[in-house]
Structures are given as C-alpha cells and as structure tokens.
Amino acid sequence: MKNIDERKRIGRQLADIRKAKGMTQQEVADKAGLLRPHIARIEAGSFSVGIDTLAAIADALGQKIKIEE
C-alpha cells in the first residue's frame, strides 16, 4: 500500500509542477521523449516510473529530482 501512496504523491507533485508552469501533458511528453498517455498514467499514480523516466520528466519541467528523508 505504501508504494501506491508514493506513486500517487509523486504523480500529484509532477502534475502540480506542470500546471504551475502552464504546460500541457503533451508538452512535457514531447520534451521528455515520452507519449502523453504515459505522462497521464504517471500523474494519476497508476504507473510505477523508473528513475530514468522520472529524470527525463524532471528535466522537461526544469526541475531536479530531490530525495527527502
């Protein structure tokens, strides 16, 4: 259950950052080299994202990955 909660938290964070920057899912997908439905699944927390994909999305959003304790 904890992994599902973490996926949803990360997905919400990505969606919030994307919206704050005024970007569409398609724009993020294009910059990250991904498909828009993949971005939608990640934002919804229904897909477990690997570190390489997460890094590509963060870069597309002009962000760095930050690990908190």
PDB file of N, CA and C in Angstrom:
ATOM      1  N   MET A   1       0.817  -1.193   0.000  1.00  0.00           N
ATOM      2  CA  MET A   1       0.000   0.000   0.000  1.00  0.00           C
ATOM      3  C   MET A   1       0.865   1.264   0.000  1.00  0.00           C
ATOM      4  N   LYS A   2       2.012   1.207   0.676  1.00  0.00           N
ATOM      5  CA  LYS A   2       2.877   2.376   0.748  1.00  0.00           C
ATOM      6  C   LYS A   2       3.400   2.776  -0.637  1.00  0.00           C
ATOM      7  N   ASN A   3       3.745   1.790  -1.475  1.00  0.00           N
ATOM      8  CA  ASN A   3       4.239   2.089  -2.822  1.00  0.00           C
ATOM      9  C   ASN A   3       3.184   2.793  -3.659  1.00  0.00           C
ATOM     10  N   ILE A   4       1.920   2.381  -3.515  1.00  0.00           N
ATOM     11  CA  ILE A   4       0.839   3.018  -4.252  1.00  0.00           C
ATOM     12  C   ILE A   4       0.692   4.466  -3.802  1.00  0.00           C
ATOM     13  N   ASP A   5       0.752   4.705  -2.502  1.00  0.00           N
ATOM     14  CA  ASP A   5       0.661   6.067  -1.975  1.00  0.00           C
ATOM     15  C   ASP A   5       1.813   6.928  -2.489  1.00  0.00           C
ATOM     16  N   GLU A   6       2.986   6.352  -2.554  1.00  0.00           N
ATOM     17  CA  GLU A   6       4.159   7.091  -3.027  1.00  0.00           C
ATOM     18  C   GLU A   6       4.029   7.420  -4.511  1.00  0.00           C
ATOM     19  N   ARG A   7       3.529   6.482  -5.307  1.00  0.00           N
ATOM     20  CA  ARG A   7       3.294   6.754  -6.734  1.00  0.00           C
ATOM     21  C   ARG A   7       2.307   7.893  -6.909  1.00  0.00           C
ATOM     22  N   LYS A   8       1.257   7.884  -6.119  1.00  0.00           N
ATOM     23  CA  LYS A   8       0.244   8.948  -6.219  1.00  0.00           C
ATOM     24  C   LYS A   8       0.825  10.296  -5.778  1.00  0.00           C
ATOM     25  N   ARG A   9       1.636  10.297  -4.737  1.00  0.00           N
ATOM     26  CA  ARG A   9       2.253  11.539  -4.253  1.00  0.00           C
ATOM     27  C   ARG A   9       3.169  12.121  -5.327  1.00  0.00           C
ATOM     28  N   ILE A  10       3.991  11.285  -5.915  1.00  0.00           N
ATOM     29  CA  ILE A  10       4.910  11.739  -6.962  1.00  0.00           C
ATOM     30  C   ILE A  10       4.117  12.229  -8.172  1.00  0.00           C
ATOM     31  N   GLY A  11       3.091  11.490  -8.555  1.00  0.00           N
ATOM     32  CA  GLY A  11       2.261  11.891  -9.684  1.00  0.00           C
ATOM     33  C   GLY A  11       1.595  13.236  -9.471  1.00  0.00           C
ATOM     34  N   ARG A  12       1.071  13.453  -8.261  1.00  0.00           N
ATOM     35  CA  ARG A  12       0.436  14.746  -7.937  1.00  0.00           C
ATOM     36  C   ARG A  12       1.447  15.873  -7.989  1.00  0.00           C
ATOM     37  N   GLN A  13       2.645  15.605  -7.469  1.00  0.00           N
ATOM     38  CA  GLN A  13       3.697  16.624  -7.488  1.00  0.00           C
ATOM     39  C   GLN A  13       4.066  17.007  -8.911  1.00  0.00           C
ATOM     40  N   LEU A  14       4.228  16.015  -9.768  1.00  0.00           N
ATOM     41  CA  LEU A  14       4.565  16.286 -11.168  1.00  0.00           C
ATOM     42  C   LEU A  14       3.455  17.080 -11.845  1.00  0.00           C
ATOM     43  N   ALA A  15       2.206  16.689 -11.605  1.00  0.00           N
ATOM     44  CA  ALA A  15       1.075  17.409 -12.208  1.00  0.00           C
ATOM     45  C   ALA A  15       1.020  18.848 -11.706  1.00  0.00           C
ATOM     46  N   ASP A  16       1.248  19.050 -10.405  1.00  0.00           N
ATOM     47  CA  ASP A  16       1.220  20.404  -9.839  1.00  0.00           C
ATOM     48  C   ASP A  16       2.307  21.287 -10.445  1.00  0.00           C
ATOM     49  N   ILE A  17       3.506  20.736 -10.589  1.00  0.00           N
ATOM     50  CA  ILE A  17       4.612  21.497 -11.184  1.00  0.00           C
ATOM     51  C   ILE A  17       4.301  21.818 -12.639  1.00  0.00           C
ATOM     52  N   ARG A  18       3.811  20.834 -13.364  1.00  0.00           N
ATOM     53  CA  ARG A  18       3.468  21.040 -14.777  1.00  0.00           C
ATOM     54  C   ARG A  18       2.429  22.141 -14.934  1.00  0.00           C
ATOM     55  N   LYS A  19       1.383  22.083 -14.134  1.00  0.00           N
ATOM     56  CA  LYS A  19       0.311  23.085 -14.216  1.00  0.00           C
ATOM     57  C   LYS A  19       0.813  24.468 -13.816  1.00  0.00           C
ATOM     58  N   ALA A  20       1.661  24.539 -12.790  1.00  0.00           N
ATOM     59  CA  ALA A  20       2.214  25.820 -12.346  1.00  0.00           C
ATOM     60  C   ALA A  20       3.060  26.467 -13.441  1.00  0.00           C
ATOM     61  N   LYS A  21       3.653  25.639 -14.269  1.00  0.00           N
ATOM     62  CA  LYS A  21       4.473  26.148 -15.380  1.00  0.00           C
ATOM     63  C   LYS A  21       3.631  26.400 -16.632  1.00  0.00           C
ATOM     64  N   GLY A  22       2.332  26.115 -16.545  1.00  0.00           N
ATOM     65  CA  GLY A  22       1.443  26.341 -17.672  1.00  0.00           C
ATOM     66  C   GLY A  22       1.686  25.400 -18.838  1.00  0.00           C
ATOM     67  N   MET A  23       2.167  24.201 -18.527  1.00  0.00           N
ATOM     68  CA  MET A  23       2.468  23.220 -19.572  1.00  0.00           C
ATOM     69  C   MET A  23       1.368  22.167 -19.658  1.00  0.00           C
ATOM     70  N   THR A  24       1.176  21.655 -20.854  1.00  0.00           N
ATOM     71  CA  THR A  24       0.249  20.543 -21.043  1.00  0.00           C
ATOM     72  C   THR A  24       1.017  19.227 -20.878  1.00  0.00           C
ATOM     73  N   GLN A  25       0.265  18.150 -20.705  1.00  0.00           N
ATOM     74  CA  GLN A  25       0.906  16.838 -20.654  1.00  0.00           C
ATOM     75  C   GLN A  25       1.639  16.567 -21.962  1.00  0.00           C
ATOM     76  N   GLN A  26       1.082  16.999 -23.072  1.00  0.00           N
ATOM     77  CA  GLN A  26       1.711  16.776 -24.370  1.00  0.00           C
ATOM     78  C   GLN A  26       3.046  17.501 -24.461  1.00  0.00           C
ATOM     79  N   GLU A  27       3.116  18.720 -23.947  1.00  0.00           N
ATOM     80  CA  GLU A  27       4.378  19.473 -23.984  1.00  0.00           C
ATOM     81  C   GLU A  27       5.455  18.778 -23.151  1.00  0.00           C
ATOM     82  N   VAL A  28       5.074  18.300 -21.987  1.00  0.00           N
ATOM     83  CA  VAL A  28       6.032  17.573 -21.135  1.00  0.00           C
ATOM     84  C   VAL A  28       6.465  16.292 -21.837  1.00  0.00           C
ATOM     85  N   ALA A  29       5.509  15.576 -22.390  1.00  0.00           N
ATOM     86  CA  ALA A  29       5.825  14.331 -23.088  1.00  0.00           C
ATOM     87  C   ALA A  29       6.792  14.580 -24.232  1.00  0.00           C
ATOM     88  N   ASP A  30       6.535  15.615 -25.029  1.00  0.00           N
ATOM     89  CA  ASP A  30       7.409  15.928 -26.162  1.00  0.00           C
ATOM     90  C   ASP A  30       8.823  16.244 -25.696  1.00  0.00           C
ATOM     91  N   LYS A  31       8.948  17.045 -24.650  1.00  0.00           N
ATOM     92  CA  LYS A  31      10.276  17.421 -24.145  1.00  0.00           C
ATOM     93  C   LYS A  31      11.004  16.247 -23.496  1.00  0.00           C
ATOM     94  N   ALA A  32      10.233  15.326 -22.893  1.00  0.00           N
ATOM     95  CA  ALA A  32      10.832  14.179 -22.204  1.00  0.00           C
ATOM     96  C   ALA A  32      11.031  12.980 -23.128  1.00  0.00           C
ATOM     97  N   GLY A  33      10.515  13.069 -24.355  1.00  0.00           N
ATOM     98  CA  GLY A  33      10.632  11.947 -25.282  1.00  0.00           C
ATOM     99  C   GLY A  33       9.707  10.796 -24.937  1.00  0.00           C
ATOM    100  N   LEU A  34       8.536  11.135 -24.386  1.00  0.00           N
ATOM    101  CA  LEU A  34       7.557  10.124 -23.982  1.00  0.00           C
ATOM    102  C   LEU A  34       6.232  10.378 -24.685  1.00  0.00           C
ATOM    103  N   LEU A  35       5.300   9.467 -24.508  1.00  0.00           N
ATOM    104  CA  LEU A  35       3.955   9.654 -25.045  1.00  0.00           C
ATOM    105  C   LEU A  35       3.062  10.288 -23.989  1.00  0.00           C
ATOM    106  N   ARG A  36       2.109  11.102 -24.419  1.00  0.00           N
ATOM    107  CA  ARG A  36       1.223  11.791 -23.485  1.00  0.00           C
ATOM    108  C   ARG A  36       0.463  10.825 -22.565  1.00  0.00           C
ATOM    109  N   PRO A  37      -0.063   9.690 -23.078  1.00  0.00           N
ATOM    110  CA  PRO A  37      -0.761   8.777 -22.161  1.00  0.00           C
ATOM    111  C   PRO A  37       0.140   8.258 -21.034  1.00  0.00           C
ATOM    112  N   HIS A  38       1.428   8.130 -21.317  1.00  0.00           N
ATOM    113  CA  HIS A  38       2.379   7.688 -20.286  1.00  0.00           C
ATOM    114  C   HIS A  38       2.479   8.742 -19.184  1.00  0.00           C
ATOM    115  N   ILE A  39       2.552  10.011 -19.575  1.00  0.00           N
ATOM    116  CA  ILE A  39       2.574  11.107 -18.592  1.00  0.00           C
ATOM    117  C   ILE A  39       1.288  11.084 -17.767  1.00  0.00           C
ATOM    118  N   ALA A  40       0.159  10.895 -18.421  1.00  0.00           N
ATOM    119  CA  ALA A  40      -1.134  10.866 -17.716  1.00  0.00           C
ATOM    120  C   ALA A  40      -1.172   9.740 -16.686  1.00  0.00           C
ATOM    121  N   ARG A  41      -0.675   8.558 -17.044  1.00  0.00           N
ATOM    122  CA  ARG A  41      -0.668   7.428 -16.097  1.00  0.00           C
ATOM    123  C   ARG A  41       0.251   7.708 -14.912  1.00  0.00           C
ATOM    124  N   ILE A  42       1.390   8.326 -15.185  1.00  0.00           N
ATOM    125  CA  ILE A  42       2.325   8.661 -14.106  1.00  0.00           C
ATOM    126  C   ILE A  42       1.692   9.680 -13.164  1.00  0.00           C
ATOM    127  N   GLU A  43       1.089  10.730 -13.731  1.00  0.00           N
ATOM    128  CA  GLU A  43       0.449  11.756 -12.899  1.00  0.00           C
ATOM    129  C   GLU A  43      -0.702  11.185 -12.078  1.00  0.00           C
ATOM    130  N   ALA A  44      -1.405  10.202 -12.629  1.00  0.00           N
ATOM    131  CA  ALA A  44      -2.527   9.578 -11.920  1.00  0.00           C
ATOM    132  C   ALA A  44      -2.057   8.608 -10.834  1.00  0.00           C
ATOM    133  N   GLY A  45      -0.767   8.289 -10.833  1.00  0.00           N
ATOM    134  CA  GLY A  45      -0.230   7.361  -9.850  1.00  0.00           C
ATOM    135  C   GLY A  45      -0.543   5.918 -10.165  1.00  0.00           C
ATOM    136  N   SER A  46      -0.938   5.656 -11.388  1.00  0.00           N
ATOM    137  CA  SER A  46      -1.304   4.287 -11.760  1.00  0.00           C
ATOM    138  C   SER A  46      -0.165   3.544 -12.454  1.00  0.00           C
ATOM    139  N   PHE A  47       0.990   4.182 -12.532  1.00  0.00           N
ATOM    140  CA  PHE A  47       2.135   3.576 -13.204  1.00  0.00           C
ATOM    141  C   PHE A  47       3.387   3.849 -12.395  1.00  0.00           C
ATOM    142  N   SER A  48       4.169   2.824 -12.151  1.00  0.00           N
ATOM    143  CA  SER A  48       5.420   2.972 -11.427  1.00  0.00           C
ATOM    144  C   SER A  48       6.497   3.458 -12.394  1.00  0.00           C
ATOM    145  N   VAL A  49       7.058   4.608 -12.121  1.00  0.00           N
ATOM    146  CA  VAL A  49       8.011   5.236 -13.031  1.00  0.00           C
ATOM    147  C   VAL A  49       9.446   4.919 -12.613  1.00  0.00           C
ATOM    148  N   GLY A  50      10.282   4.587 -13.593  1.00  0.00           N
ATOM    149  CA  GLY A  50      11.693   4.327 -13.333  1.00  0.00           C
ATOM    150  C   GLY A  50      12.467   5.634 -13.197  1.00  0.00           C
ATOM    151  N   ILE A  51      13.648   5.551 -12.655  1.00  0.00           N
ATOM    152  CA  ILE A  51      14.448   6.743 -12.382  1.00  0.00           C
ATOM    153  C   ILE A  51      14.835   7.474 -13.667  1.00  0.00           C
ATOM    154  N   ASP A  52      15.123   6.757 -14.739  1.00  0.00           N
ATOM    155  CA  ASP A  52      15.484   7.417 -15.997  1.00  0.00           C
ATOM    156  C   ASP A  52      14.314   8.213 -16.556  1.00  0.00           C
ATOM    157  N   THR A  53      13.122   7.639 -16.490  1.00  0.00           N
ATOM    158  CA  THR A  53      11.928   8.335 -16.963  1.00  0.00           C
ATOM    159  C   THR A  53      11.620   9.523 -16.075  1.00  0.00           C
ATOM    160  N   LEU A  54      11.731   9.330 -14.771  1.00  0.00           N
ATOM    161  CA  LEU A  54      11.494  10.422 -13.830  1.00  0.00           C
ATOM    162  C   LEU A  54      12.477  11.568 -14.064  1.00  0.00           C
ATOM    163  N   ALA A  55      13.727  11.234 -14.333  1.00  0.00           N
ATOM    164  CA  ALA A  55      14.734  12.255 -14.621  1.00  0.00           C
ATOM    165  C   ALA A  55      14.409  13.012 -15.904  1.00  0.00           C
ATOM    166  N   ALA A  56      13.916  12.305 -16.918  1.00  0.00           N
ATOM    167  CA  ALA A  56      13.542  12.957 -18.181  1.00  0.00           C
ATOM    168  C   ALA A  56      12.372  13.909 -17.973  1.00  0.00           C
ATOM    169  N   ILE A  57      11.402  13.500 -17.165  1.00  0.00           N
ATOM    170  CA  ILE A  57      10.252  14.365 -16.876  1.00  0.00           C
ATOM    171  C   ILE A  57      10.699  15.573 -16.062  1.00  0.00           C
ATOM    172  N   ALA A  58      11.528  15.345 -15.050  1.00  0.00           N
ATOM    173  CA  ALA A  58      12.027  16.454 -14.238  1.00  0.00           C
ATOM    174  C   ALA A  58      12.778  17.461 -15.101  1.00  0.00           C
ATOM    175  N   ASP A  59      13.605  16.972 -16.007  1.00  0.00           N
ATOM    176  CA  ASP A  59      14.350  17.847 -16.911  1.00  0.00           C
ATOM    177  C   ASP A  59      13.395  18.635 -17.810  1.00  0.00           C
ATOM    178  N   ALA A  60      12.364  17.985 -18.316  1.00  0.00           N
ATOM    179  CA  ALA A  60      11.372  18.647 -19.165  1.00  0.00           C
ATOM    180  C   ALA A  60      10.656  19.760 -18.403  1.00  0.00           C
ATOM    181  N   LEU A  61      10.523  19.570 -17.092  1.00  0.00           N
ATOM    182  CA  LEU A  61       9.865  20.568 -16.246  1.00  0.00           C
ATOM    183  C   LEU A  61      10.850  21.588 -15.667  1.00  0.00           C
ATOM    184  N   GLY A  62      12.137  21.428 -15.993  1.00  0.00           N
ATOM    185  CA  GLY A  62      13.143  22.340 -15.456  1.00  0.00           C
ATOM    186  C   GLY A  62      13.383  22.144 -13.973  1.00  0.00           C
ATOM    187  N   GLN A  63      13.242  20.908 -13.515  1.00  0.00           N
ATOM    188  CA  GLN A  63      13.385  20.575 -12.096  1.00  0.00           C
ATOM    189  C   GLN A  63      14.503  19.563 -11.897  1.00  0.00           C
ATOM    190  N   LYS A  64      14.908  19.407 -10.643  1.00  0.00           N
ATOM    191  CA  LYS A  64      15.850  18.358 -10.263  1.00  0.00           C
ATOM    192  C   LYS A  64      15.126  17.388  -9.349  1.00  0.00           C
ATOM    193  N   ILE A  65      15.536  16.147  -9.397  1.00  0.00           N
ATOM    194  CA  ILE A  65      14.956  15.151  -8.502  1.00  0.00           C
ATOM    195  C   ILE A  65      15.515  15.382  -7.109  1.00  0.00           C
ATOM    196  N   LYS A  66      14.638  15.455  -6.131  1.00  0.00           N
ATOM    197  CA  LYS A  66      15.047  15.692  -4.752  1.00  0.00           C
ATOM    198  C   LYS A  66      14.531  14.544  -3.885  1.00  0.00           C
ATOM    199  N   ILE A  67      15.438  13.912  -3.174  1.00  0.00           N
ATOM    200  CA  ILE A  67      15.076  12.820  -2.277  1.00  0.00           C
ATOM    201  C   ILE A  67      14.996  13.387  -0.861  1.00  0.00           C
ATOM    202  N   GLU A  68      13.850  13.197  -0.241  1.00  0.00           N
ATOM    203  CA  GLU A  68      13.686  13.682   1.130  1.00  0.00           C
ATOM    204  C   GLU A  68      13.664  12.501   2.084  1.00  0.00           C
ATOM    205  N   GLU A  69      14.159  12.726   3.261  1.00  0.00           N
ATOM    206  CA  GLU A  69      14.152  11.672   4.293  1.00  0.00           C
ATOM    207  C   GLU A  69      12.893  11.747   5.109  1.00  0.00           C
TER     208      GLU A  69
END
